Amino acid sequence: MPGPYFPGQLPSDCGHYYPDVLRVRDEKRAKGKYVRIIDCVYCGRLERKLNRRALAPELVRQLEKNGVDLGVEGQDLAKVRKRAIARLKRIHD
């Protein structure tokens, strides 16, 4: 399993690194619970509880209004990862 793509990169909750881990979407669920759905090439789809107080105010407003904030949902994940890796290589070379 590859490690970080650049020095100082922090892993996601599952221990893997962006762009191997992508945010699919954030959701507001019943009883005011907030969830982030991620896709990891090694772990698959995962859900992570979010702390409302730790979220950006803009994201909270979006979730309160629409119930969802899309990340890469509906996109070809392999293409998104390929573009992200190319961008990281340009930035960190």
N, C-alpha and C. Protein backbone atom coordinates (compact mmCIF):
# COMPACT_ATOMS: atom_id res chain seq x y z
N MET A 1 0.83 -1.18 0.00
CA MET A 1 0.00 0.00 0.00
C MET A 1 0.88 1.24 0.00
N PRO A 2 0.63 2.15 -0.91
CA PRO A 2 1.47 3.34 -0.96
C PRO A 2 1.26 4.22 0.26
N GLY A 3 2.29 4.93 0.58
CA GLY A 3 2.23 5.88 1.68
C GLY A 3 1.81 7.24 1.17
N PRO A 4 2.26 8.27 1.86
CA PRO A 4 1.90 9.63 1.45
C PRO A 4 2.43 9.95 0.05
N TYR A 5 1.71 10.83 -0.62
CA TYR A 5 2.11 11.26 -1.96
C TYR A 5 3.08 12.43 -1.92
N PHE A 6 3.18 13.08 -0.76
CA PHE A 6 4.14 14.17 -0.59
C PHE A 6 4.49 14.27 0.89
N PRO A 7 5.65 14.83 1.21
CA PRO A 7 6.08 14.94 2.60
C PRO A 7 5.07 15.73 3.44
N GLY A 8 4.78 15.21 4.61
CA GLY A 8 3.88 15.90 5.53
C GLY A 8 2.41 15.63 5.30
N GLN A 9 2.06 14.83 4.30
CA GLN A 9 0.66 14.53 4.04
C GLN A 9 0.11 13.67 5.18
N LEU A 10 -1.07 14.03 5.67
CA LEU A 10 -1.70 13.29 6.75
C LEU A 10 -2.67 12.25 6.20
N PRO A 11 -2.76 11.10 6.85
CA PRO A 11 -3.68 10.06 6.37
C PRO A 11 -5.12 10.38 6.75
N SER A 12 -6.04 9.75 6.05
CA SER A 12 -7.46 9.86 6.41
C SER A 12 -7.72 8.94 7.60
N ASP A 13 -8.95 8.85 8.02
CA ASP A 13 -9.31 8.02 9.17
C ASP A 13 -8.96 6.54 8.97
N CYS A 14 -9.01 6.08 7.74
CA CYS A 14 -8.73 4.66 7.49
C CYS A 14 -7.22 4.39 7.40
N GLY A 15 -6.41 5.44 7.42
CA GLY A 15 -4.96 5.29 7.38
C GLY A 15 -4.35 5.44 6.00
N HIS A 16 -5.18 5.66 4.99
CA HIS A 16 -4.68 5.83 3.63
C HIS A 16 -4.75 7.30 3.24
N TYR A 17 -4.20 7.63 2.09
CA TYR A 17 -3.97 9.02 1.72
C TYR A 17 -4.76 9.44 0.48
N TYR A 18 -5.15 10.73 0.46
CA TYR A 18 -5.72 11.33 -0.74
C TYR A 18 -4.66 11.27 -1.83
N PRO A 19 -4.99 10.92 -3.02
CA PRO A 19 -6.27 10.64 -3.64
C PRO A 19 -6.72 9.18 -3.61
N ASP A 20 -6.03 8.34 -2.85
CA ASP A 20 -6.54 6.97 -2.69
C ASP A 20 -7.85 6.99 -1.92
N VAL A 21 -8.05 8.03 -1.12
CA VAL A 21 -9.27 8.23 -0.36
C VAL A 21 -9.94 9.50 -0.88
N LEU A 22 -11.18 9.38 -1.33
CA LEU A 22 -11.93 10.52 -1.86
C LEU A 22 -13.23 10.71 -1.09
N ARG A 23 -13.62 11.97 -0.92
CA ARG A 23 -14.90 12.28 -0.28
C ARG A 23 -16.00 12.13 -1.33
N VAL A 24 -16.89 11.18 -1.11
CA VAL A 24 -18.00 10.96 -2.03
C VAL A 24 -19.08 12.01 -1.78
N ARG A 25 -19.50 12.15 -0.51
CA ARG A 25 -20.49 13.16 -0.16
C ARG A 25 -20.58 13.28 1.36
N ASP A 26 -21.17 14.38 1.80
CA ASP A 26 -21.52 14.59 3.20
C ASP A 26 -23.03 14.62 3.27
N GLU A 27 -23.58 14.09 4.35
CA GLU A 27 -25.04 14.03 4.49
C GLU A 27 -25.46 14.48 5.88
N LYS A 28 -26.64 15.07 5.94
CA LYS A 28 -27.30 15.30 7.22
C LYS A 28 -28.37 14.24 7.33
N ARG A 29 -28.35 13.51 8.43
CA ARG A 29 -29.31 12.44 8.63
C ARG A 29 -30.27 12.81 9.75
N ALA A 30 -31.17 11.90 10.06
CA ALA A 30 -32.15 12.12 11.10
C ALA A 30 -31.48 12.47 12.43
N LYS A 31 -32.18 13.24 13.21
CA LYS A 31 -31.72 13.66 14.54
C LYS A 31 -30.46 14.50 14.48
N GLY A 32 -30.25 15.22 13.37
CA GLY A 32 -29.14 16.14 13.27
C GLY A 32 -27.77 15.51 13.20
N LYS A 33 -27.68 14.26 12.78
CA LYS A 33 -26.38 13.60 12.66
C LYS A 33 -25.79 13.91 11.29
N TYR A 34 -24.50 14.16 11.27
CA TYR A 34 -23.78 14.45 10.03
C TYR A 34 -22.81 13.31 9.74
N VAL A 35 -22.75 12.90 8.47
CA VAL A 35 -21.94 11.76 8.06
C VAL A 35 -21.16 12.11 6.81
N ARG A 36 -19.91 11.69 6.74
CA ARG A 36 -19.10 11.81 5.53
C ARG A 36 -18.92 10.41 4.96
N ILE A 37 -19.21 10.26 3.69
CA ILE A 37 -19.02 8.99 3.00
C ILE A 37 -17.79 9.14 2.13
N ILE A 38 -16.83 8.23 2.34
CA ILE A 38 -15.58 8.28 1.58
C ILE A 38 -15.42 6.97 0.81
N ASP A 39 -14.59 7.01 -0.21
CA ASP A 39 -14.25 5.83 -0.98
C ASP A 39 -12.74 5.67 -0.95
N CYS A 40 -12.28 4.53 -0.45
CA CYS A 40 -10.85 4.23 -0.37
C CYS A 40 -10.57 3.05 -1.29
N VAL A 41 -9.50 3.15 -2.07
CA VAL A 41 -9.17 2.05 -2.99
C VAL A 41 -8.83 0.77 -2.24
N TYR A 42 -8.43 0.87 -0.98
CA TYR A 42 -8.04 -0.30 -0.20
C TYR A 42 -9.16 -0.79 0.72
N CYS A 43 -9.93 0.14 1.30
CA CYS A 43 -10.94 -0.21 2.29
C CYS A 43 -12.36 -0.23 1.75
N GLY A 44 -12.58 0.36 0.58
CA GLY A 44 -13.92 0.45 0.02
C GLY A 44 -14.66 1.68 0.54
N ARG A 45 -15.99 1.63 0.53
CA ARG A 45 -16.82 2.74 1.01
C ARG A 45 -16.90 2.70 2.52
N LEU A 46 -16.70 3.85 3.12
CA LEU A 46 -16.76 3.98 4.58
C LEU A 46 -17.60 5.19 4.95
N GLU A 47 -18.23 5.13 6.11
CA GLU A 47 -18.95 6.27 6.66
C GLU A 47 -18.26 6.72 7.92
N ARG A 48 -18.20 8.02 8.09
CA ARG A 48 -17.54 8.61 9.26
C ARG A 48 -18.47 9.66 9.84
N LYS A 49 -18.72 9.60 11.14
CA LYS A 49 -19.53 10.62 11.79
C LYS A 49 -18.75 11.93 11.81
N LEU A 50 -19.46 13.03 11.60
CA LEU A 50 -18.85 14.35 11.62
C LEU A 50 -19.35 15.13 12.83
N ASN A 51 -18.48 15.91 13.41
CA ASN A 51 -18.84 16.79 14.51
C ASN A 51 -19.29 18.12 13.92
N ARG A 52 -20.54 18.47 14.11
CA ARG A 52 -21.09 19.70 13.52
C ARG A 52 -20.27 20.93 13.90
N ARG A 53 -19.79 20.98 15.13
CA ARG A 53 -19.02 22.14 15.59
C ARG A 53 -17.66 22.26 14.90
N ALA A 54 -17.17 21.16 14.34
CA ALA A 54 -15.87 21.18 13.65
C ALA A 54 -15.99 21.47 12.16
N LEU A 55 -17.22 21.54 11.65
CA LEU A 55 -17.44 21.76 10.22
C LEU A 55 -17.43 23.24 9.88
N ALA A 56 -17.04 23.54 8.66
CA ALA A 56 -17.09 24.91 8.16
C ALA A 56 -18.55 25.38 8.14
N PRO A 57 -18.79 26.63 8.52
CA PRO A 57 -20.17 27.14 8.53
C PRO A 57 -20.88 27.01 7.18
N GLU A 58 -20.14 27.19 6.08
CA GLU A 58 -20.74 27.06 4.75
C GLU A 58 -21.26 25.64 4.52
N LEU A 59 -20.49 24.65 4.96
CA LEU A 59 -20.90 23.25 4.79
C LEU A 59 -22.14 22.96 5.63
N VAL A 60 -22.17 23.46 6.85
CA VAL A 60 -23.34 23.25 7.70
C VAL A 60 -24.58 23.86 7.06
N ARG A 61 -24.46 25.08 6.52
CA ARG A 61 -25.60 25.72 5.85
C ARG A 61 -26.08 24.88 4.66
N GLN A 62 -25.14 24.38 3.87
CA GLN A 62 -25.48 23.54 2.71
C GLN A 62 -26.20 22.27 3.15
N LEU A 63 -25.71 21.63 4.20
CA LEU A 63 -26.33 20.41 4.68
C LEU A 63 -27.71 20.68 5.29
N GLU A 64 -27.85 21.79 6.01
CA GLU A 64 -29.15 22.15 6.58
C GLU A 64 -30.16 22.43 5.47
N LYS A 65 -29.71 23.08 4.41
CA LYS A 65 -30.60 23.46 3.31
C LYS A 65 -30.98 22.28 2.42
N ASN A 66 -29.98 21.48 2.01
CA ASN A 66 -30.19 20.43 1.01
C ASN A 66 -30.09 19.01 1.55
N GLY A 67 -29.53 18.84 2.73
CA GLY A 67 -29.36 17.51 3.29
C GLY A 67 -28.16 16.75 2.77
N VAL A 68 -27.50 17.30 1.74
CA VAL A 68 -26.35 16.62 1.15
C VAL A 68 -25.41 17.65 0.53
N ASP A 69 -24.13 17.35 0.55
CA ASP A 69 -23.11 18.15 -0.14
C ASP A 69 -22.24 17.15 -0.89
N LEU A 70 -22.27 17.24 -2.21
CA LEU A 70 -21.57 16.25 -3.04
C LEU A 70 -20.07 16.52 -3.09
N GLY A 71 -19.32 15.45 -3.07
CA GLY A 71 -17.89 15.49 -3.32
C GLY A 71 -17.68 15.02 -4.75
N VAL A 72 -17.38 13.75 -4.90
CA VAL A 72 -17.15 13.18 -6.24
C VAL A 72 -18.25 12.23 -6.65
N GLU A 73 -19.36 12.24 -5.93
CA GLU A 73 -20.45 11.32 -6.26
C GLU A 73 -20.89 11.52 -7.70
N GLY A 74 -21.11 10.41 -8.39
CA GLY A 74 -21.55 10.46 -9.77
C GLY A 74 -20.42 10.60 -10.77
N GLN A 75 -19.21 10.76 -10.29
CA GLN A 75 -18.06 10.87 -11.18
C GLN A 75 -17.31 9.54 -11.24
N ASP A 76 -16.53 9.36 -12.27
CA ASP A 76 -15.70 8.17 -12.40
C ASP A 76 -14.53 8.31 -11.42
N LEU A 77 -14.54 7.52 -10.36
CA LEU A 77 -13.53 7.66 -9.31
C LEU A 77 -12.11 7.44 -9.83
N ALA A 78 -11.93 6.51 -10.75
CA ALA A 78 -10.60 6.25 -11.30
C ALA A 78 -10.07 7.48 -12.02
N LYS A 79 -10.94 8.17 -12.77
CA LYS A 79 -10.51 9.38 -13.48
C LYS A 79 -10.21 10.51 -12.50
N VAL A 80 -11.01 10.64 -11.47
CA VAL A 80 -10.77 11.68 -10.45
C VAL A 80 -9.42 11.44 -9.78
N ARG A 81 -9.15 10.20 -9.43
CA ARG A 81 -7.87 9.87 -8.79
C ARG A 81 -6.69 10.13 -9.72
N LYS A 82 -6.83 9.76 -10.98
CA LYS A 82 -5.76 9.96 -11.96
C LYS A 82 -5.43 11.45 -12.12
N ARG A 83 -6.47 12.29 -12.22
CA ARG A 83 -6.27 13.75 -12.33
C ARG A 83 -5.61 14.30 -11.07
N ALA A 84 -6.04 13.82 -9.91
CA ALA A 84 -5.48 14.30 -8.65
C ALA A 84 -4.01 13.92 -8.52
N ILE A 85 -3.67 12.71 -8.90
CA ILE A 85 -2.26 12.27 -8.83
C ILE A 85 -1.41 13.12 -9.77
N ALA A 86 -1.90 13.38 -10.97
CA ALA A 86 -1.15 14.22 -11.92
C ALA A 86 -0.96 15.62 -11.35
N ARG A 87 -2.01 16.18 -10.73
CA ARG A 87 -1.90 17.52 -10.13
C ARG A 87 -0.90 17.53 -8.98
N LEU A 88 -0.93 16.51 -8.13
CA LEU A 88 0.01 16.43 -7.02
C LEU A 88 1.45 16.33 -7.52
N LYS A 89 1.67 15.57 -8.58
CA LYS A 89 3.02 15.45 -9.14
C LYS A 89 3.53 16.79 -9.66
N ARG A 90 2.65 17.57 -10.32
CA ARG A 90 3.06 18.89 -10.82
C ARG A 90 3.40 19.82 -9.66
N ILE A 91 2.62 19.77 -8.61
CA ILE A 91 2.81 20.67 -7.48
C ILE A 91 4.05 20.31 -6.69
N HIS A 92 4.30 19.03 -6.50
CA HIS A 92 5.36 18.59 -5.57
C HIS A 92 6.63 18.12 -6.27
N ASP A 93 6.74 18.30 -7.57
CA ASP A 93 7.99 17.95 -8.27
C ASP A 93 8.93 19.13 -8.33
